[in-house]
PDB file of N, CA and C in Angstrom:
ATOM      1  N   MET A   1      81.702 104.794  82.828  1.00  0.00           N
ATOM      2  CA  MET A   1      80.600 103.994  82.373  1.00  0.00           C
ATOM      3  C   MET A   1      79.769 103.608  83.587  1.00  0.00           C
ATOM      4  N   ILE A   2      78.489 103.817  83.491  1.00  0.00           N
ATOM      5  CA  ILE A   2      77.554 103.452  84.549  1.00  0.00           C
ATOM      6  C   ILE A   2      76.615 102.411  83.956  1.00  0.00           C
ATOM      7  N   THR A   3      76.591 101.232  84.545  1.00  0.00           N
ATOM      8  CA  THR A   3      75.783 100.167  83.968  1.00  0.00           C
ATOM      9  C   THR A   3      75.195  99.268  85.041  1.00  0.00           C
ATOM     10  N   GLY A   4      74.113  98.643  84.704  1.00  0.00           N
ATOM     11  CA  GLY A   4      73.518  97.644  85.574  1.00  0.00           C
ATOM     12  C   GLY A   4      74.144  96.276  85.371  1.00  0.00           C
ATOM     13  N   ASP A   5      75.006  96.174  84.372  1.00  0.00           N
ATOM     14  CA  ASP A   5      75.652  94.893  84.074  1.00  0.00           C
ATOM     15  C   ASP A   5      76.642  94.495  85.152  1.00  0.00           C
ATOM     16  N   ASN A   6      77.008  93.213  85.154  1.00  0.00           N
ATOM     17  CA  ASN A   6      77.969  92.724  86.142  1.00  0.00           C
ATOM     18  C   ASN A   6      79.362  93.282  85.854  1.00  0.00           C
ATOM     19  N   GLU A   7      80.210  93.246  86.871  1.00  0.00           N
ATOM     20  CA  GLU A   7      81.531  93.870  86.797  1.00  0.00           C
ATOM     21  C   GLU A   7      82.403  93.286  85.688  1.00  0.00           C
ATOM     22  N   ARG A   8      82.429  91.983  85.568  1.00  0.00           N
ATOM     23  CA  ARG A   8      83.285  91.336  84.570  1.00  0.00           C
ATOM     24  C   ARG A   8      82.925  91.769  83.150  1.00  0.00           C
ATOM     25  N   THR A   9      81.649  91.720  82.829  1.00  0.00           N
ATOM     26  CA  THR A   9      81.182  92.114  81.491  1.00  0.00           C
ATOM     27  C   THR A   9      81.454  93.589  81.237  1.00  0.00           C
ATOM     28  N   ALA A  10      81.089  94.429  82.196  1.00  0.00           N
ATOM     29  CA  ALA A  10      81.252  95.869  82.029  1.00  0.00           C
ATOM     30  C   ALA A  10      82.717  96.259  81.834  1.00  0.00           C
ATOM     31  N   LYS A  11      83.604  95.688  82.630  1.00  0.00           N
ATOM     32  CA  LYS A  11      85.016  96.036  82.516  1.00  0.00           C
ATOM     33  C   LYS A  11      85.623  95.534  81.207  1.00  0.00           C
ATOM     34  N   ALA A  12      85.151  94.411  80.708  1.00  0.00           N
ATOM     35  CA  ALA A  12      85.631  93.908  79.420  1.00  0.00           C
ATOM     36  C   ALA A  12      85.237  94.858  78.287  1.00  0.00           C
ATOM     37  N   ILE A  13      83.995  95.319  78.306  1.00  0.00           N
ATOM     38  CA  ILE A  13      83.525  96.265  77.281  1.00  0.00           C
ATOM     39  C   ILE A  13      84.239  97.600  77.432  1.00  0.00           C
ATOM     40  N   ALA A  14      84.353  98.089  78.645  1.00  0.00           N
ATOM     41  CA  ALA A  14      85.014  99.373  78.893  1.00  0.00           C
ATOM     42  C   ALA A  14      86.459  99.350  78.390  1.00  0.00           C
ATOM     43  N   ALA A  15      87.146  98.263  78.621  1.00  0.00           N
ATOM     44  CA  ALA A  15      88.545  98.150  78.187  1.00  0.00           C
ATOM     45  C   ALA A  15      88.656  98.218  76.670  1.00  0.00           C
ATOM     46  N   GLN A  16      87.691  97.665  75.977  1.00  0.00           N
ATOM     47  CA  GLN A  16      87.717  97.671  74.507  1.00  0.00           C
ATOM     48  C   GLN A  16      87.608  99.074  73.929  1.00  0.00           C
ATOM     49  N   VAL A  17      86.940  99.967  74.648  1.00  0.00           N
ATOM     50  CA  VAL A  17      86.736 101.325  74.130  1.00  0.00           C
ATOM     51  C   VAL A  17      87.516 102.389  74.906  1.00  0.00           C
ATOM     52  N   GLY A  18      88.348 101.966  75.838  1.00  0.00           N
ATOM     53  CA  GLY A  18      89.218 102.900  76.543  1.00  0.00           C
ATOM     54  C   GLY A  18      88.602 103.621  77.724  1.00  0.00           C
ATOM     55  N   ILE A  19      87.540 103.082  78.286  1.00  0.00           N
ATOM     56  CA  ILE A  19      86.908 103.684  79.456  1.00  0.00           C
ATOM     57  C   ILE A  19      87.560 103.108  80.706  1.00  0.00           C
ATOM     58  N   THR A  20      87.992 103.985  81.608  1.00  0.00           N
ATOM     59  CA  THR A  20      88.663 103.520  82.818  1.00  0.00           C
ATOM     60  C   THR A  20      87.826 103.700  84.082  1.00  0.00           C
ATOM     61  N   ASN A  21      86.839 104.555  84.043  1.00  0.00           N
ATOM     62  CA  ASN A  21      85.993 104.819  85.209  1.00  0.00           C
ATOM     63  C   ASN A  21      84.685 104.046  85.022  1.00  0.00           C
ATOM     64  N   VAL A  22      84.520 102.940  85.766  1.00  0.00           N
ATOM     65  CA  VAL A  22      83.386 102.046  85.549  1.00  0.00           C
ATOM     66  C   VAL A  22      82.630 101.809  86.855  1.00  0.00           C
ATOM     67  N   PHE A  23      81.317 102.041  86.831  1.00  0.00           N
ATOM     68  CA  PHE A  23      80.430 101.732  87.945  1.00  0.00           C
ATOM     69  C   PHE A  23      79.530 100.594  87.476  1.00  0.00           C
ATOM     70  N   THR A  24      79.554  99.460  88.178  1.00  0.00           N
ATOM     71  CA  THR A  24      78.807  98.287  87.741  1.00  0.00           C
ATOM     72  C   THR A  24      77.684  97.933  88.696  1.00  0.00           C
ATOM     73  N   GLU A  25      76.746  97.145  88.177  1.00  0.00           N
ATOM     74  CA  GLU A  25      75.605  96.654  88.939  1.00  0.00           C
ATOM     75  C   GLU A  25      74.827  97.791  89.604  1.00  0.00           C
ATOM     76  N   VAL A  26      74.693  98.899  88.874  1.00  0.00           N
ATOM     77  CA  VAL A  26      73.998 100.088  89.381  1.00  0.00           C
ATOM     78  C   VAL A  26      72.514  99.973  89.041  1.00  0.00           C
ATOM     79  N   LEU A  27      71.688 100.150  90.037  1.00  0.00           N
ATOM     80  CA  LEU A  27      70.240 100.130  89.825  1.00  0.00           C
ATOM     81  C   LEU A  27      69.821 101.369  89.035  1.00  0.00           C
ATOM     82  N   PRO A  28      68.758 101.264  88.240  1.00  0.00           N
ATOM     83  CA  PRO A  28      68.321 102.402  87.430  1.00  0.00           C
ATOM     84  C   PRO A  28      68.142 103.684  88.236  1.00  0.00           C
ATOM     85  N   GLU A  29      67.574 103.577  89.429  1.00  0.00           N
ATOM     86  CA  GLU A  29      67.329 104.787  90.224  1.00  0.00           C
ATOM     87  C   GLU A  29      68.608 105.392  90.781  1.00  0.00           C
ATOM     88  N   ASP A  30      69.706 104.664  90.753  1.00  0.00           N
ATOM     89  CA  ASP A  30      70.977 105.190  91.257  1.00  0.00           C
ATOM     90  C   ASP A  30      71.865 105.783  90.163  1.00  0.00           C
ATOM     91  N   LYS A  31      71.516 105.566  88.910  1.00  0.00           N
ATOM     92  CA  LYS A  31      72.342 106.095  87.816  1.00  0.00           C
ATOM     93  C   LYS A  31      72.398 107.621  87.840  1.00  0.00           C
ATOM     94  N   GLU A  32      71.265 108.257  88.126  1.00  0.00           N
ATOM     95  CA  GLU A  32      71.223 109.718  88.194  1.00  0.00           C
ATOM     96  C   GLU A  32      72.175 110.239  89.277  1.00  0.00           C
ATOM     97  N   LYS A  33      72.241 109.552  90.411  1.00  0.00           N
ATOM     98  CA  LYS A  33      73.130 109.964  91.495  1.00  0.00           C
ATOM     99  C   LYS A  33      74.595 109.921  91.050  1.00  0.00           C
ATOM    100  N   HIS A  34      74.964 108.881  90.319  1.00  0.00           N
ATOM    101  CA  HIS A  34      76.330 108.774  89.821  1.00  0.00           C
ATOM    102  C   HIS A  34      76.649 109.903  88.841  1.00  0.00           C
ATOM    103  N   VAL A  35      75.688 110.220  87.966  1.00  0.00           N
ATOM    104  CA  VAL A  35      75.883 111.315  87.006  1.00  0.00           C
ATOM    105  C   VAL A  35      76.106 112.622  87.762  1.00  0.00           C
ATOM    106  N   LYS A  36      75.279 112.901  88.764  1.00  0.00           N
ATOM    107  CA  LYS A  36      75.414 114.133  89.555  1.00  0.00           C
ATOM    108  C   LYS A  36      76.771 114.199  90.252  1.00  0.00           C
ATOM    109  N   GLN A  37      77.216 113.087  90.842  1.00  0.00           N
ATOM    110  CA  GLN A  37      78.504 113.067  91.535  1.00  0.00           C
ATOM    111  C   GLN A  37      79.647 113.368  90.575  1.00  0.00           C
ATOM    112  N   LEU A  38      79.588 112.802  89.392  1.00  0.00           N
ATOM    113  CA  LEU A  38      80.633 113.074  88.403  1.00  0.00           C
ATOM    114  C   LEU A  38      80.627 114.545  87.992  1.00  0.00           C
ATOM    115  N   GLN A  39      79.438 115.107  87.789  1.00  0.00           N
ATOM    116  CA  GLN A  39      79.330 116.514  87.414  1.00  0.00           C
ATOM    117  C   GLN A  39      79.847 117.420  88.535  1.00  0.00           C
ATOM    118  N   GLU A  40      79.527 117.083  89.772  1.00  0.00           N
ATOM    119  CA  GLU A  40      79.971 117.885  90.906  1.00  0.00           C
ATOM    120  C   GLU A  40      81.490 117.863  91.055  1.00  0.00           C
ATOM    121  N   SER A  41      82.128 116.824  90.534  1.00  0.00           N
ATOM    122  CA  SER A  41      83.587 116.748  90.582  1.00  0.00           C
ATOM    123  C   SER A  41      84.228 117.420  89.372  1.00  0.00           C
ATOM    124  N   GLY A  42      83.394 118.097  88.554  1.00  0.00           N
ATOM    125  CA  GLY A  42      83.906 118.860  87.425  1.00  0.00           C
ATOM    126  C   GLY A  42      83.901 118.146  86.092  1.00  0.00           C
ATOM    127  N   LYS A  43      83.325 116.959  86.042  1.00  0.00           N
ATOM    128  CA  LYS A  43      83.292 116.180  84.798  1.00  0.00           C
ATOM    129  C   LYS A  43      82.088 116.557  83.952  1.00  0.00           C
ATOM    130  N   LYS A  44      82.255 116.453  82.644  1.00  0.00           N
ATOM    131  CA  LYS A  44      81.123 116.522  81.719  1.00  0.00           C
ATOM    132  C   LYS A  44      80.718 115.080  81.467  1.00  0.00           C
ATOM    133  N   VAL A  45      79.414 114.815  81.525  1.00  0.00           N
ATOM    134  CA  VAL A  45      78.937 113.436  81.473  1.00  0.00           C
ATOM    135  C   VAL A  45      78.044 113.234  80.259  1.00  0.00           C
ATOM    136  N   ALA A  46      78.388 112.234  79.445  1.00  0.00           N
ATOM    137  CA  ALA A  46      77.539 111.803  78.332  1.00  0.00           C
ATOM    138  C   ALA A  46      76.786 110.565  78.804  1.00  0.00           C
ATOM    139  N   MET A  47      75.531 110.464  78.432  1.00  0.00           N
ATOM    140  CA  MET A  47      74.703 109.336  78.870  1.00  0.00           C
ATOM    141  C   MET A  47      73.963 108.756  77.684  1.00  0.00           C
ATOM    142  N   VAL A  48      74.027 107.452  77.567  1.00  0.00           N
ATOM    143  CA  VAL A  48      73.248 106.720  76.566  1.00  0.00           C
ATOM    144  C   VAL A  48      72.378 105.747  77.345  1.00  0.00           C
ATOM    145  N   GLY A  49      71.092 105.736  77.057  1.00  0.00           N
ATOM    146  CA  GLY A  49      70.185 104.848  77.771  1.00  0.00           C
ATOM    147  C   GLY A  49      69.331 104.049  76.817  1.00  0.00           C
ATOM    148  N   ASP A  50      68.873 102.890  77.279  1.00  0.00           N
ATOM    149  CA  ASP A  50      68.081 102.028  76.412  1.00  0.00           C
ATOM    150  C   ASP A  50      66.678 101.775  76.941  1.00  0.00           C
ATOM    151  N   GLY A  51      66.246 102.580  77.875  1.00  0.00           N
ATOM    152  CA  GLY A  51      64.907 102.360  78.398  1.00  0.00           C
ATOM    153  C   GLY A  51      64.412 103.525  79.222  1.00  0.00           C
ATOM    154  N   ILE A  52      63.145 103.469  79.567  1.00  0.00           N
ATOM    155  CA  ILE A  52      62.512 104.541  80.326  1.00  0.00           C
ATOM    156  C   ILE A  52      63.144 104.681  81.705  1.00  0.00           C
ATOM    157  N   ASN A  53      63.693 103.594  82.229  1.00  0.00           N
ATOM    158  CA  ASN A  53      64.308 103.678  83.550  1.00  0.00           C
ATOM    159  C   ASN A  53      65.588 104.507  83.558  1.00  0.00           C
ATOM    160  N   ASP A  54      66.141 104.815  82.384  1.00  0.00           N
ATOM    161  CA  ASP A  54      67.326 105.663  82.285  1.00  0.00           C
ATOM    162  C   ASP A  54      66.979 107.151  82.149  1.00  0.00           C
ATOM    163  N   ALA A  55      65.709 107.477  82.073  1.00  0.00           N
ATOM    164  CA  ALA A  55      65.281 108.854  81.822  1.00  0.00           C
ATOM    165  C   ALA A  55      65.846 109.865  82.820  1.00  0.00           C
ATOM    166  N   PRO A  56      65.829 109.606  84.135  1.00  0.00           N
ATOM    167  CA  PRO A  56      66.386 110.601  85.061  1.00  0.00           C
ATOM    168  C   PRO A  56      67.876 110.862  84.826  1.00  0.00           C
ATOM    169  N   ALA A  57      68.648 109.831  84.576  1.00  0.00           N
ATOM    170  CA  ALA A  57      70.079 110.003  84.322  1.00  0.00           C
ATOM    171  C   ALA A  57      70.307 110.708  82.990  1.00  0.00           C
ATOM    172  N   LEU A  58      69.503 110.379  81.996  1.00  0.00           N
ATOM    173  CA  LEU A  58      69.609 111.055  80.699  1.00  0.00           C
ATOM    174  C   LEU A  58      69.342 112.545  80.849  1.00  0.00           C
ATOM    175  N   ALA A  59      68.319 112.895  81.607  1.00  0.00           N
ATOM    176  CA  ALA A  59      67.960 114.304  81.804  1.00  0.00           C
ATOM    177  C   ALA A  59      69.052 115.052  82.575  1.00  0.00           C
ATOM    178  N   GLN A  60      69.726 114.398  83.501  1.00  0.00           N
ATOM    179  CA  GLN A  60      70.762 115.019  84.311  1.00  0.00           C
ATOM    180  C   GLN A  60      72.070 115.197  83.533  1.00  0.00           C
ATOM    181  N   ALA A  61      72.327 114.337  82.582  1.00  0.00           N
ATOM    182  CA  ALA A  61      73.606 114.328  81.868  1.00  0.00           C
ATOM    183  C   ALA A  61      73.862 115.630  81.115  1.00  0.00           C
ATOM    184  N   THR A  62      75.144 115.909  80.924  1.00  0.00           N
ATOM    185  CA  THR A  62      75.550 117.073  80.148  1.00  0.00           C
ATOM    186  C   THR A  62      75.182 116.879  78.676  1.00  0.00           C
ATOM    187  N   LEU A  63      75.361 115.662  78.196  1.00  0.00           N
ATOM    188  CA  LEU A  63      75.047 115.272  76.818  1.00  0.00           C
ATOM    189  C   LEU A  63      74.284 113.975  76.882  1.00  0.00           C
ATOM    190  N   GLU A  64      73.150 113.903  76.206  1.00  0.00           N
ATOM    191  CA  GLU A  64      72.342 112.692  76.288  1.00  0.00           C
ATOM    192  C   GLU A  64      72.039 112.131  74.908  1.00  0.00           C
ATOM    193  N   SER A  65      71.838 110.835  74.872  1.00  0.00           N
ATOM    194  CA  SER A  65      71.459 110.162  73.641  1.00  0.00           C
ATOM    195  C   SER A  65      70.541 108.998  73.985  1.00  0.00           C
ATOM    196  N   PRO A  66      69.245 109.218  73.959  1.00  0.00           N
ATOM    197  CA  PRO A  66      68.330 108.110  74.280  1.00  0.00           C
ATOM    198  C   PRO A  66      68.242 107.127  73.122  1.00  0.00           C
ATOM    199  N   TRP A  67      68.346 105.868  73.429  1.00  0.00           N
ATOM    200  CA  TRP A  67      68.187 104.799  72.429  1.00  0.00           C
ATOM    201  C   TRP A  67      66.866 104.138  72.691  1.00  0.00           C
ATOM    202  N   LEU A  68      66.004 104.161  71.716  1.00  0.00           N
ATOM    203  CA  LEU A  68      64.690 103.534  71.860  1.00  0.00           C
ATOM    204  C   LEU A  68      64.637 102.292  71.000  1.00  0.00           C
ATOM    205  N   TRP A  69      64.294 101.207  71.617  1.00  0.00           N
ATOM    206  CA  TRP A  69      64.245  99.920  70.920  1.00  0.00           C
ATOM    207  C   TRP A  69      62.800  99.567  70.600  1.00  0.00           C
ATOM    208  N   ASP A  70      62.583  98.955  69.465  1.00  0.00           N
ATOM    209  CA  ASP A  70      61.249  98.499  69.076  1.00  0.00           C
ATOM    210  C   ASP A  70      60.895  97.235  69.817  1.00  0.00           C
TER     211      ASP A  70
END
């Protein structure tokens, strides 16, 4: 999980859904770098984003799901 949220919140949510690899307090421009690093290590990466600032990471991801809010 790659999120801009604080560590405590992110780890609580990740634990509820079984995610063990968590990157917290990540700036929008750094999310794409994390996705690339995971892919380079052989991982397939799914990305869900809620704003235009997630577009680079969404485009880099193996599987993407953009969420657009009204």
